[in-house]
């Protein structure tokens, strides 16, 4: 079994948790690394390894969930995020799994909602666009973590 990919958030990179045992995949926080390829290419490589794993052993689940809880990301990161979602969509479809993408945004941030809608138009599967409640700054890390478990 492929191990869970778990990357803690930094000031310019998001927290990533890709859990193949449960079929749960999440990216949360901010994404504006100086070298986006250095950060995102390993995520794409992990998805390729997930594809190979699914070819050898079928998971116990039929549904996968990919949650995006981003506060901010730059245009380079946006391109990589789209590639990640497209590749995950292709891999899950290839192996007969149902992928559900959930895009979370703060109601006070209409641009992030619009980005979710843009991704929805670019992908061949639906993207559920869901509002998040604004919490105190101290609670935001806990809020993101609660979505990741």
Protein backbone atom coordinates (compact mmCIF):
# COMPACT_ATOMS: atom_id res chain seq x y z
CA UNK A 1 0.00 0.00 0.00
CA UNK A 2 1.21 3.46 -0.89
CA UNK A 3 1.92 5.56 2.20
CA UNK A 4 0.06 8.75 3.02
CA UNK A 5 1.67 11.90 1.67
CA UNK A 6 1.68 14.45 4.48
CA UNK A 7 3.37 17.82 4.05
CA UNK A 8 3.01 20.47 6.76
CA UNK A 9 2.11 24.00 5.75
CA UNK A 10 4.75 26.71 5.65
CA UNK A 11 4.40 30.45 5.19
CA UNK A 12 4.19 30.03 1.39
CA UNK A 13 3.14 26.41 0.83
CA UNK A 14 -0.07 24.61 1.75
CA UNK A 15 -0.59 21.65 3.99
CA UNK A 16 -1.05 18.51 1.90
CA UNK A 17 -2.57 15.22 3.03
CA UNK A 18 -3.10 12.50 0.42
CA UNK A 19 -4.41 9.37 2.17
CA UNK A 20 -4.73 6.43 -0.24
CA UNK A 21 -6.06 4.09 2.47
CA UNK A 22 -9.17 6.25 2.95
CA UNK A 23 -9.43 7.91 -0.48
CA UNK A 24 -9.18 11.38 1.08
CA UNK A 25 -7.00 14.06 -0.50
CA UNK A 26 -6.64 17.63 0.78
CA UNK A 27 -4.71 20.81 0.11
CA UNK A 28 -5.15 23.64 2.64
CA UNK A 29 -3.56 27.00 3.39
CA UNK A 30 -1.66 29.31 1.08
CA UNK A 31 0.28 28.46 -2.07
CA UNK A 32 2.78 30.92 -3.49
CA UNK A 33 6.16 29.17 -3.37
CA UNK A 34 9.11 30.74 -5.16
CA UNK A 35 9.59 27.48 -7.03
CA UNK A 36 6.12 26.05 -7.57
CA UNK A 37 7.45 23.14 -9.63
CA UNK A 38 9.69 22.02 -6.77
CA UNK A 39 6.68 21.92 -4.45
CA UNK A 40 3.96 20.57 -6.77
CA UNK A 41 5.81 18.06 -8.98
CA UNK A 42 6.21 15.57 -6.11
CA UNK A 43 2.42 15.72 -5.64
CA UNK A 44 1.90 14.82 -9.29
CA UNK A 45 4.48 12.03 -8.95
CA UNK A 46 2.61 10.72 -5.89
CA UNK A 47 -0.62 10.63 -7.94
CA UNK A 48 1.24 8.59 -10.59
CA UNK A 49 2.31 6.16 -7.84
CA UNK A 50 -1.32 6.04 -6.63
CA UNK A 51 -2.35 5.12 -10.19
CA UNK A 52 0.15 2.24 -10.22
CA UNK A 53 -1.01 1.09 -6.79
CA UNK A 54 -4.64 1.05 -7.93
CA UNK A 55 -3.59 -1.08 -10.89
CA UNK A 56 -2.22 -3.70 -8.51
CA UNK A 57 -4.68 -3.60 -5.62
CA UNK A 58 -8.25 -2.37 -5.51
CA UNK A 59 -9.13 -0.15 -2.56
CA UNK A 60 -11.96 -0.96 -0.15
CA UNK A 61 -13.72 2.29 -1.14
CA UNK A 62 -15.53 3.35 -4.30
CA UNK A 63 -15.64 7.09 -3.55
CA UNK A 64 -12.73 9.51 -3.20
CA UNK A 65 -12.89 13.06 -1.87
CA UNK A 66 -10.48 15.83 -2.79
CA UNK A 67 -10.87 18.95 -0.65
CA UNK A 68 -9.30 22.33 -1.43
CA UNK A 69 -9.22 24.85 1.42
CA UNK A 70 -6.95 27.59 0.11
CA UNK A 71 -6.75 31.10 1.47
CA UNK A 72 -4.54 32.37 -1.34
CA UNK A 73 -2.54 31.01 -4.28
CA UNK A 74 -0.62 32.58 -7.14
CA UNK A 75 -1.10 31.94 -10.86
CA UNK A 76 1.70 29.38 -11.10
CA UNK A 77 0.24 27.40 -8.21
CA UNK A 78 -3.20 27.66 -9.85
CA UNK A 79 -1.87 25.86 -12.92
CA UNK A 80 -0.36 23.07 -10.84
CA UNK A 81 -3.53 22.70 -8.78
CA UNK A 82 -5.52 22.29 -11.99
CA UNK A 83 -3.03 19.65 -13.20
CA UNK A 84 -3.34 17.81 -9.88
CA UNK A 85 -7.13 17.78 -10.07
CA UNK A 86 -7.13 16.73 -13.73
CA UNK A 87 -4.68 13.92 -13.07
CA UNK A 88 -6.58 12.73 -10.00
CA UNK A 89 -9.81 12.81 -12.00
CA UNK A 90 -8.22 10.74 -14.77
CA UNK A 91 -6.69 8.21 -12.36
CA UNK A 92 -9.86 7.66 -10.35
CA UNK A 93 -11.99 7.35 -13.49
CA UNK A 94 -9.54 4.85 -14.98
CA UNK A 95 -9.91 2.63 -11.91
CA UNK A 96 -13.70 2.92 -11.58
CA UNK A 97 -13.66 5.23 -8.56
CA UNK A 98 -15.99 8.17 -8.07
CA UNK A 99 -14.11 11.42 -7.32
CA UNK A 100 -15.83 14.25 -5.48
CA UNK A 101 -14.04 17.60 -5.43
CA UNK A 102 -14.96 20.08 -2.70
CA UNK A 103 -13.74 23.65 -3.08
CA UNK A 104 -14.04 25.71 0.10
CA UNK A 105 -13.98 29.52 0.17
CA UNK A 106 -14.66 32.28 2.67
CA UNK A 107 -17.83 34.21 1.83
CA UNK A 108 -15.85 37.45 2.21
CA UNK A 109 -13.53 36.26 -0.60
CA UNK A 110 -15.51 36.25 -3.88
CA UNK A 111 -12.31 35.78 -5.93
CA UNK A 112 -11.69 32.40 -4.32
CA UNK A 113 -15.27 31.38 -5.06
CA UNK A 114 -14.77 32.46 -8.69
CA UNK A 115 -11.59 30.37 -8.89
CA UNK A 116 -13.57 27.35 -7.74
CA UNK A 117 -16.09 28.04 -10.49
CA UNK A 118 -13.26 28.37 -13.02
CA UNK A 119 -11.91 24.97 -12.00
CA UNK A 120 -15.43 23.57 -12.25
CA UNK A 121 -15.58 24.72 -15.89
CA UNK A 122 -12.14 23.26 -16.63
CA UNK A 123 -12.75 19.80 -15.20
CA UNK A 124 -14.89 17.00 -16.58
CA UNK A 125 -16.37 16.27 -13.16
CA UNK A 126 -18.43 18.49 -10.85
CA UNK A 127 -16.77 20.67 -8.25
CA UNK A 128 -18.83 21.32 -5.14
CA UNK A 129 -18.24 24.95 -4.10
CA UNK A 130 -18.83 25.39 -0.37
CA UNK A 131 -18.62 28.43 1.94
CA UNK A 132 -16.43 28.40 5.05
CA UNK A 133 -17.06 30.45 8.15
CA UNK A 134 -14.49 33.05 9.12
CA UNK A 135 -12.96 32.27 12.48
CA UNK A 136 -10.48 33.97 14.74
CA UNK A 137 -6.92 33.80 13.48
CA UNK A 138 -6.04 31.46 16.38
CA UNK A 139 -8.82 29.09 15.30
CA UNK A 140 -7.95 29.01 11.58
CA UNK A 141 -5.16 26.44 11.92
CA UNK A 142 -7.47 24.24 13.99
CA UNK A 143 -10.24 24.79 11.40
CA UNK A 144 -8.03 23.58 8.55
CA UNK A 145 -6.83 20.62 10.59
CA UNK A 146 -10.40 19.56 11.36
CA UNK A 147 -11.09 19.29 7.62
CA UNK A 148 -8.01 17.16 7.19
CA UNK A 149 -9.07 14.34 9.51
